[in-house]
PDB file of all heavy atoms in Angstrom:
ATOM      1  N   LEU A   1      -3.769   8.508  38.298  1.00  0.00           N
ATOM      2  CA  LEU A   1      -3.551   7.927  36.956  1.00  0.00           C
ATOM      3  C   LEU A   1      -4.769   7.115  36.478  1.00  0.00           C
ATOM      4  O   LEU A   1      -5.031   6.914  35.341  1.00  0.00           O
ATOM      5  CB  LEU A   1      -2.261   7.074  36.900  1.00  0.00           C
ATOM      6  CG  LEU A   1      -1.010   7.837  37.114  1.00  0.00           C
ATOM      7  CD1 LEU A   1       0.234   6.878  37.158  1.00  0.00           C
ATOM      8  CD2 LEU A   1      -0.846   8.915  36.080  1.00  0.00           C
ATOM      9  N   GLY A   2      -5.506   6.590  37.491  1.00  0.00           N
ATOM     10  CA  GLY A   2      -6.731   5.824  37.130  1.00  0.00           C
ATOM     11  C   GLY A   2      -7.811   6.707  36.556  1.00  0.00           C
ATOM     12  O   GLY A   2      -8.753   6.147  35.922  1.00  0.00           O
ATOM     13  N   GLU A   3      -7.700   8.002  36.696  1.00  0.00           N
ATOM     14  CA  GLU A   3      -8.719   8.921  36.117  1.00  0.00           C
ATOM     15  C   GLU A   3      -8.324   9.471  34.777  1.00  0.00           C
ATOM     16  O   GLU A   3      -9.074  10.323  34.216  1.00  0.00           O
ATOM     17  CB  GLU A   3      -8.897  10.077  37.130  1.00  0.00           C
ATOM     18  CG  GLU A   3      -9.421   9.658  38.489  1.00  0.00           C
ATOM     19  CD  GLU A   3      -9.402  10.800  39.494  1.00  0.00           C
ATOM     20  OE1 GLU A   3      -9.288  11.994  39.059  1.00  0.00           O
ATOM     21  OE2 GLU A   3      -9.462  10.551  40.682  1.00  0.00           O
ATOM     22  N   LEU A   4      -7.223   9.070  34.240  1.00  0.00           N
ATOM     23  CA  LEU A   4      -6.728   9.609  32.944  1.00  0.00           C
ATOM     24  C   LEU A   4      -7.545   9.059  31.748  1.00  0.00           C
ATOM     25  O   LEU A   4      -7.426   9.644  30.689  1.00  0.00           O
ATOM     26  CB  LEU A   4      -5.219   9.289  32.699  1.00  0.00           C
ATOM     27  CG  LEU A   4      -4.294  10.028  33.595  1.00  0.00           C
ATOM     28  CD1 LEU A   4      -2.839   9.709  33.254  1.00  0.00           C
ATOM     29  CD2 LEU A   4      -4.466  11.524  33.513  1.00  0.00           C
ATOM     30  N   GLY A   5      -8.324   8.095  31.967  1.00  0.00           N
ATOM     31  CA  GLY A   5      -9.207   7.583  30.839  1.00  0.00           C
ATOM     32  C   GLY A   5      -8.452   6.741  29.829  1.00  0.00           C
ATOM     33  O   GLY A   5      -8.297   5.584  29.980  1.00  0.00           O
ATOM     34  N   ASP A   6      -7.981   7.449  28.799  1.00  0.00           N
ATOM     35  CA  ASP A   6      -7.428   6.734  27.640  1.00  0.00           C
ATOM     36  C   ASP A   6      -5.978   6.436  27.731  1.00  0.00           C
ATOM     37  O   ASP A   6      -5.325   5.959  26.814  1.00  0.00           O
ATOM     38  CB  ASP A   6      -7.690   7.638  26.393  1.00  0.00           C
ATOM     39  CG  ASP A   6      -7.928   6.770  25.179  1.00  0.00           C
ATOM     40  OD1 ASP A   6      -8.146   5.533  25.272  1.00  0.00           O
ATOM     41  OD2 ASP A   6      -7.760   7.322  24.009  1.00  0.00           O
ATOM     42  N   ALA A   7      -5.334   6.808  28.837  1.00  0.00           N
ATOM     43  CA  ALA A   7      -3.885   6.574  28.988  1.00  0.00           C
ATOM     44  C   ALA A   7      -3.510   5.108  29.173  1.00  0.00           C
ATOM     45  O   ALA A   7      -4.332   4.343  29.700  1.00  0.00           O
ATOM     46  CB  ALA A   7      -3.379   7.376  30.250  1.00  0.00           C
ATOM     47  N   THR A   8      -2.373   4.722  28.701  1.00  0.00           N
ATOM     48  CA  THR A   8      -1.854   3.332  28.871  1.00  0.00           C
ATOM     49  C   THR A   8      -0.742   3.458  29.927  1.00  0.00           C
ATOM     50  O   THR A   8       0.170   4.331  29.769  1.00  0.00           O
ATOM     51  CB  THR A   8      -1.248   2.847  27.591  1.00  0.00           C
ATOM     52  OG1 THR A   8      -2.304   2.779  26.652  1.00  0.00           O
ATOM     53  CG2 THR A   8      -0.722   1.375  27.786  1.00  0.00           C
ATOM     54  N   ILE A   9      -0.841   2.663  30.943  1.00  0.00           N
ATOM     55  CA  ILE A   9       0.118   2.744  32.056  1.00  0.00           C
ATOM     56  C   ILE A   9       0.752   1.410  32.335  1.00  0.00           C
ATOM     57  O   ILE A   9       0.031   0.381  32.395  1.00  0.00           O
ATOM     58  CB  ILE A   9      -0.599   3.258  33.367  1.00  0.00           C
ATOM     59  CG1 ILE A   9      -1.188   4.625  33.114  1.00  0.00           C
ATOM     60  CG2 ILE A   9       0.398   3.269  34.535  1.00  0.00           C
ATOM     61  CD1 ILE A   9      -2.268   5.022  34.069  1.00  0.00           C
ATOM     62  N   ALA A  10       2.050   1.367  32.404  1.00  0.00           N
ATOM     63  CA  ALA A  10       2.840   0.159  32.751  1.00  0.00           C
ATOM     64  C   ALA A  10       3.560   0.427  34.022  1.00  0.00           C
ATOM     65  O   ALA A  10       4.306   1.409  34.092  1.00  0.00           O
ATOM     66  CB  ALA A  10       3.715  -0.276  31.594  1.00  0.00           C
ATOM     67  N   MET A  11       3.392  -0.459  34.984  1.00  0.00           N
ATOM     68  CA  MET A  11       4.178  -0.348  36.232  1.00  0.00           C
ATOM     69  C   MET A  11       5.092  -1.466  36.383  1.00  0.00           C
ATOM     70  O   MET A  11       4.626  -2.712  36.266  1.00  0.00           O
ATOM     71  CB  MET A  11       3.211  -0.191  37.410  1.00  0.00           C
ATOM     72  CG  MET A  11       2.454   1.101  37.421  1.00  0.00           C
ATOM     73  SD  MET A  11       1.209   1.271  38.732  1.00  0.00           S
ATOM     74  CE  MET A  11       1.772   0.432  40.064  1.00  0.00           C
ATOM     75  N   ILE A  12       6.361  -1.250  36.568  1.00  0.00           N
ATOM     76  CA  ILE A  12       7.347  -2.294  36.836  1.00  0.00           C
ATOM     77  C   ILE A  12       7.748  -2.105  38.296  1.00  0.00           C
ATOM     78  O   ILE A  12       8.233  -1.090  38.650  1.00  0.00           O
ATOM     79  CB  ILE A  12       8.533  -2.162  35.900  1.00  0.00           C
ATOM     80  CG1 ILE A  12       8.041  -2.178  34.457  1.00  0.00           C
ATOM     81  CG2 ILE A  12       9.570  -3.260  36.180  1.00  0.00           C
ATOM     82  CD1 ILE A  12       9.062  -1.729  33.432  1.00  0.00           C
ATOM     83  N   MET A  13       7.512  -3.137  39.030  1.00  0.00           N
ATOM     84  CA  MET A  13       7.759  -3.095  40.486  1.00  0.00           C
ATOM     85  C   MET A  13       8.896  -3.934  40.882  1.00  0.00           C
ATOM     86  O   MET A  13       9.027  -5.081  40.359  1.00  0.00           O
ATOM     87  CB  MET A  13       6.511  -3.381  41.280  1.00  0.00           C
ATOM     88  CG  MET A  13       5.276  -2.434  40.892  1.00  0.00           C
ATOM     89  SD  MET A  13       3.749  -2.951  41.580  1.00  0.00           S
ATOM     90  CE  MET A  13       3.993  -2.400  43.268  1.00  0.00           C
ATOM     91  N   ASN A  14       9.718  -3.485  41.728  1.00  0.00           N
ATOM     92  CA  ASN A  14      10.829  -4.209  42.369  1.00  0.00           C
ATOM     93  C   ASN A  14      11.860  -4.690  41.302  1.00  0.00           C
ATOM     94  O   ASN A  14      12.396  -5.765  41.378  1.00  0.00           O
ATOM     95  CB  ASN A  14      10.289  -5.397  43.125  1.00  0.00           C
ATOM     96  CG  ASN A  14      11.136  -5.706  44.320  1.00  0.00           C
ATOM     97  OD1 ASN A  14      11.834  -4.862  44.897  1.00  0.00           O
ATOM     98  ND2 ASN A  14      11.183  -6.992  44.724  1.00  0.00           N
ATOM     99  N   ALA A  15      12.116  -3.834  40.330  1.00  0.00           N
ATOM    100  CA  ALA A  15      13.095  -4.117  39.324  1.00  0.00           C
ATOM    101  C   ALA A  15      14.511  -3.979  39.915  1.00  0.00           C
ATOM    102  O   ALA A  15      14.754  -3.125  40.776  1.00  0.00           O
ATOM    103  CB  ALA A  15      12.997  -3.200  38.107  1.00  0.00           C
ATOM    104  N   LYS A  16      15.452  -4.806  39.499  1.00  0.00           N
ATOM    105  CA  LYS A  16      16.807  -4.697  39.929  1.00  0.00           C
ATOM    106  C   LYS A  16      17.443  -3.417  39.461  1.00  0.00           C
ATOM    107  O   LYS A  16      17.241  -3.037  38.332  1.00  0.00           O
ATOM    108  CB  LYS A  16      17.642  -5.932  39.498  1.00  0.00           C
ATOM    109  CG  LYS A  16      17.266  -7.163  40.190  1.00  0.00           C
ATOM    110  CD  LYS A  16      18.085  -8.360  39.819  1.00  0.00           C
ATOM    111  CE  LYS A  16      17.617  -9.575  40.565  1.00  0.00           C
ATOM    112  NZ  LYS A  16      18.387 -10.767  40.127  1.00  0.00           N
ATOM    113  N   SER A  17      18.253  -2.780  40.290  1.00  0.00           N
ATOM    114  CA  SER A  17      18.881  -1.513  39.965  1.00  0.00           C
ATOM    115  C   SER A  17      20.291  -1.515  40.598  1.00  0.00           C
ATOM    116  O   SER A  17      20.412  -1.792  41.797  1.00  0.00           O
ATOM    117  CB  SER A  17      18.106  -0.368  40.513  1.00  0.00           C
ATOM    118  OG  SER A  17      18.821   0.849  40.439  1.00  0.00           O
ATOM    119  N   GLN A  18      21.319  -1.228  39.837  1.00  0.00           N
ATOM    120  CA  GLN A  18      22.631  -1.052  40.355  1.00  0.00           C
ATOM    121  C   GLN A  18      22.717   0.058  41.339  1.00  0.00           C
ATOM    122  O   GLN A  18      23.427  -0.011  42.323  1.00  0.00           O
ATOM    123  CB  GLN A  18      23.644  -0.920  39.199  1.00  0.00           C
ATOM    124  CG  GLN A  18      23.861  -2.159  38.410  1.00  0.00           C
ATOM    125  CD  GLN A  18      24.880  -1.982  37.290  1.00  0.00           C
ATOM    126  OE1 GLN A  18      25.190  -0.827  36.904  1.00  0.00           O
ATOM    127  NE2 GLN A  18      25.410  -3.040  36.762  1.00  0.00           N
ATOM    128  N   LYS A  19      22.025   1.114  40.998  1.00  0.00           N
ATOM    129  CA  LYS A  19      22.106   2.406  41.798  1.00  0.00           C
ATOM    130  C   LYS A  19      21.337   2.267  43.168  1.00  0.00           C
ATOM    131  O   LYS A  19      21.818   2.738  44.153  1.00  0.00           O
ATOM    132  CB  LYS A  19      21.576   3.555  40.988  1.00  0.00           C
ATOM    133  CG  LYS A  19      21.680   4.920  41.566  1.00  0.00           C
ATOM    134  CD  LYS A  19      21.141   5.972  40.612  1.00  0.00           C
ATOM    135  CE  LYS A  19      21.025   7.312  41.224  1.00  0.00           C
ATOM    136  NZ  LYS A  19      20.516   8.290  40.295  1.00  0.00           N
ATOM    137  N   MET A  20      20.160   1.624  43.055  1.00  0.00           N
ATOM    138  CA  MET A  20      19.257   1.661  44.199  1.00  0.00           C
ATOM    139  C   MET A  20      19.081   0.257  44.857  1.00  0.00           C
ATOM    140  O   MET A  20      18.357   0.139  45.855  1.00  0.00           O
ATOM    141  CB  MET A  20      17.912   2.176  43.799  1.00  0.00           C
ATOM    142  CG  MET A  20      17.935   3.587  43.244  1.00  0.00           C
ATOM    143  SD  MET A  20      16.317   4.129  42.634  1.00  0.00           S
ATOM    144  CE  MET A  20      15.365   4.256  44.119  1.00  0.00           C
ATOM    145  N   GLY A  21      19.598  -0.752  44.248  1.00  0.00           N
ATOM    146  CA  GLY A  21      19.219  -2.152  44.704  1.00  0.00           C
ATOM    147  C   GLY A  21      18.019  -2.707  44.014  1.00  0.00           C
ATOM    148  O   GLY A  21      18.041  -3.552  43.197  1.00  0.00           O
ATOM    149  N   HIS A  22      16.880  -2.070  44.336  1.00  0.00           N
ATOM    150  CA  HIS A  22      15.594  -2.333  43.669  1.00  0.00           C
ATOM    151  C   HIS A  22      14.834  -1.054  43.486  1.00  0.00           C
ATOM    152  O   HIS A  22      15.006  -0.115  44.315  1.00  0.00           O
ATOM    153  CB  HIS A  22      14.755  -3.332  44.459  1.00  0.00           C
ATOM    154  CG  HIS A  22      15.244  -4.731  44.421  1.00  0.00           C
ATOM    155  ND1 HIS A  22      16.155  -5.241  45.302  1.00  0.00           N
ATOM    156  CD2 HIS A  22      14.933  -5.695  43.540  1.00  0.00           C
ATOM    157  CE1 HIS A  22      16.470  -6.479  45.002  1.00  0.00           C
ATOM    158  NE2 HIS A  22      15.736  -6.800  43.911  1.00  0.00           N
ATOM    159  N   LYS A  23      14.054  -0.954  42.457  1.00  0.00           N
ATOM    160  CA  LYS A  23      13.338   0.278  42.198  1.00  0.00           C
ATOM    161  C   LYS A  23      12.034  -0.030  41.455  1.00  0.00           C
ATOM    162  O   LYS A  23      11.825  -1.167  40.992  1.00  0.00           O
ATOM    163  CB  LYS A  23      14.145   1.215  41.319  1.00  0.00           C
ATOM    164  CG  LYS A  23      14.403   0.632  39.904  1.00  0.00           C
ATOM    165  CD  LYS A  23      15.237   1.600  39.043  1.00  0.00           C
ATOM    166  CE  LYS A  23      15.463   1.021  37.608  1.00  0.00           C
ATOM    167  NZ  LYS A  23      16.232   1.900  36.808  1.00  0.00           N
ATOM    168  N   ASP A  24      11.144   0.925  41.351  1.00  0.00           N
ATOM    169  CA  ASP A  24       9.925   0.838  40.544  1.00  0.00           C
ATOM    170  C   ASP A  24      10.080   1.791  39.377  1.00  0.00           C
ATOM    171  O   ASP A  24      10.805   2.809  39.486  1.00  0.00           O
ATOM    172  CB  ASP A  24       8.698   1.231  41.348  1.00  0.00           C
ATOM    173  CG  ASP A  24       8.322   0.249  42.460  1.00  0.00           C
ATOM    174  OD1 ASP A  24       8.985  -0.833  42.525  1.00  0.00           O
ATOM    175  OD2 ASP A  24       7.360   0.485  43.148  1.00  0.00           O
ATOM    176  N   ILE A  25       9.344   1.462  38.294  1.00  0.00           N
ATOM    177  CA  ILE A  25       9.323   2.310  37.127  1.00  0.00           C
ATOM    178  C   ILE A  25       7.865   2.416  36.668  1.00  0.00           C
ATOM    179  O   ILE A  25       7.150   1.408  36.708  1.00  0.00           O
ATOM    180  CB  ILE A  25      10.181   1.713  35.953  1.00  0.00           C
ATOM    181  CG1 ILE A  25      11.630   1.458  36.392  1.00  0.00           C
ATOM    182  CG2 ILE A  25      10.117   2.552  34.693  1.00  0.00           C
ATOM    183  CD1 ILE A  25      12.415   0.558  35.460  1.00  0.00           C
ATOM    184  N   ILE A  26       7.468   3.579  36.244  1.00  0.00           N
ATOM    185  CA  ILE A  26       6.117   3.770  35.674  1.00  0.00           C
ATOM    186  C   ILE A  26       6.208   4.382  34.303  1.00  0.00           C
ATOM    187  O   ILE A  26       6.871   5.400  34.133  1.00  0.00           O
ATOM    188  CB  ILE A  26       5.211   4.602  36.561  1.00  0.00           C
ATOM    189  CG1 ILE A  26       5.086   4.066  37.921  1.00  0.00           C
ATOM    190  CG2 ILE A  26       3.814   4.792  35.922  1.00  0.00           C
ATOM    191  CD1 ILE A  26       4.319   4.960  38.933  1.00  0.00           C
ATOM    192  N   LYS A  27       5.597   3.787  33.244  1.00  0.00           N
ATOM    193  CA  LYS A  27       5.528   4.326  31.921  1.00  0.00           C
ATOM    194  C   LYS A  27       4.118   4.799  31.721  1.00  0.00           C
ATOM    195  O   LYS A  27       3.152   4.011  31.931  1.00  0.00           O
ATOM    196  CB  LYS A  27       5.914   3.307  30.851  1.00  0.00           C
ATOM    197  CG  LYS A  27       7.420   2.899  30.882  1.00  0.00           C
ATOM    198  CD  LYS A  27       7.660   1.982  29.734  1.00  0.00           C
ATOM    199  CE  LYS A  27       9.146   1.713  29.576  1.00  0.00           C
ATOM    200  NZ  LYS A  27       9.420   0.950  28.356  1.00  0.00           N
ATOM    201  N   ILE A  28       3.918   6.031  31.270  1.00  0.00           N
ATOM    202  CA  ILE A  28       2.577   6.563  31.064  1.00  0.00           C
ATOM    203  C   ILE A  28       2.511   7.111  29.669  1.00  0.00           C
ATOM    204  O   ILE A  28       3.153   8.036  29.287  1.00  0.00           O
ATOM    205  CB  ILE A  28       2.287   7.711  32.060  1.00  0.00           C
ATOM    206  CG1 ILE A  28       2.593   7.299  33.500  1.00  0.00           C
ATOM    207  CG2 ILE A  28       0.887   8.204  31.903  1.00  0.00           C
ATOM    208  CD1 ILE A  28       2.744   8.397  34.492  1.00  0.00           C
ATOM    209  N   GLU A  29       1.653   6.454  28.875  1.00  0.00           N
ATOM    210  CA  GLU A  29       1.377   6.932  27.475  1.00  0.00           C
ATOM    211  C   GLU A  29       0.177   7.866  27.575  1.00  0.00           C
ATOM    212  O   GLU A  29      -0.938   7.441  27.881  1.00  0.00           O
ATOM    213  CB  GLU A  29       1.068   5.763  26.553  1.00  0.00           C
ATOM    214  CG  GLU A  29       0.650   6.173  25.178  1.00  0.00           C
ATOM    215  CD  GLU A  29       1.762   6.029  24.134  1.00  0.00           C
ATOM    216  OE1 GLU A  29       2.611   5.203  24.327  1.00  0.00           O
ATOM    217  OE2 GLU A  29       1.683   6.792  23.185  1.00  0.00           O
ATOM    218  N   CYS A  30       0.454   9.147  27.447  1.00  0.00           N
ATOM    219  CA  CYS A  30      -0.604  10.167  27.568  1.00  0.00           C
ATOM    220  C   CYS A  30      -0.144  11.488  26.940  1.00  0.00           C
ATOM    221  O   CYS A  30       1.074  11.687  26.693  1.00  0.00           O
ATOM    222  CB  CYS A  30      -0.998  10.424  28.997  1.00  0.00           C
ATOM    223  SG  CYS A  30       0.372  11.139  30.019  1.00  0.00           S
ATOM    224  N   PRO A  31      -1.057  12.420  26.617  1.00  0.00           N
ATOM    225  CA  PRO A  31      -0.577  13.690  26.081  1.00  0.00           C
ATOM    226  C   PRO A  31       0.339  14.409  27.099  1.00  0.00           C
ATOM    227  O   PRO A  31       0.183  14.355  28.324  1.00  0.00           O
ATOM    228  CB  PRO A  31      -1.893  14.488  25.893  1.00  0.00           C
ATOM    229  CG  PRO A  31      -2.998  13.420  25.870  1.00  0.00           C
ATOM    230  CD  PRO A  31      -2.512  12.306  26.723  1.00  0.00           C
ATOM    231  N   LEU A  32       1.334  15.122  26.585  1.00  0.00           N
ATOM    232  CA  LEU A  32       2.265  15.871  27.444  1.00  0.00           C
ATOM    233  C   LEU A  32       1.437  16.986  28.113  1.00  0.00           C
ATOM    234  O   LEU A  32       0.512  17.512  27.590  1.00  0.00           O
ATOM    235  CB  LEU A  32       3.347  16.461  26.612  1.00  0.00           C
ATOM    236  CG  LEU A  32       4.274  15.440  25.885  1.00  0.00           C
ATOM    237  CD1 LEU A  32       5.399  16.191  25.167  1.00  0.00           C
ATOM    238  CD2 LEU A  32       4.857  14.500  26.918  1.00  0.00           C
ATOM    239  N   GLY A  33       1.831  17.270  29.376  1.00  0.00           N
ATOM    240  CA  GLY A  33       1.143  18.217  30.172  1.00  0.00           C
ATOM    241  C   GLY A  33       0.040  17.619  31.071  1.00  0.00           C
ATOM    242  O   GLY A  33      -0.513  18.335  31.857  1.00  0.00           O
ATOM    243  N   THR A  34      -0.157  16.356  30.928  1.00  0.00           N
ATOM    244  CA  THR A  34      -1.199  15.692  31.667  1.00  0.00           C
ATOM    245  C   THR A  34      -0.792  15.439  33.152  1.00  0.00           C
ATOM    246  O   THR A  34      -1.600  15.496  34.043  1.00  0.00           O
ATOM    247  CB  THR A  34      -1.583  14.347  31.065  1.00  0.00           C
ATOM    248  OG1 THR A  34      -1.954  14.533  29.689  1.00  0.00           O
ATOM    249  CG2 THR A  34      -2.706  13.620  31.708  1.00  0.00           C
ATOM    250  N   ILE A  35       0.462  15.206  33.348  1.00  0.00           N
ATOM    251  CA  ILE A  35       1.047  14.835  34.692  1.00  0.00           C
ATOM    252  C   ILE A  35       1.492  16.091  35.452  1.00  0.00           C
ATOM    253  O   ILE A  35       2.186  16.890  34.858  1.00  0.00           O
ATOM    254  CB  ILE A  35       2.180  13.826  34.581  1.00  0.00           C
ATOM    255  CG1 ILE A  35       1.721  12.616  33.756  1.00  0.00           C
ATOM    256  CG2 ILE A  35       2.729  13.421  35.883  1.00  0.00           C
ATOM    257  CD1 ILE A  35       0.593  11.853  34.374  1.00  0.00           C
TER     258      ILE A  35
END
């Protein structure tokens, strides 16, 4: 993801989750097909 250049990336780490206890989430603003 560091090589995507113009992409905006948000990482949420150790968020509370009813299903998992704690989880991470990554939001990636980029053209579709990039990942």
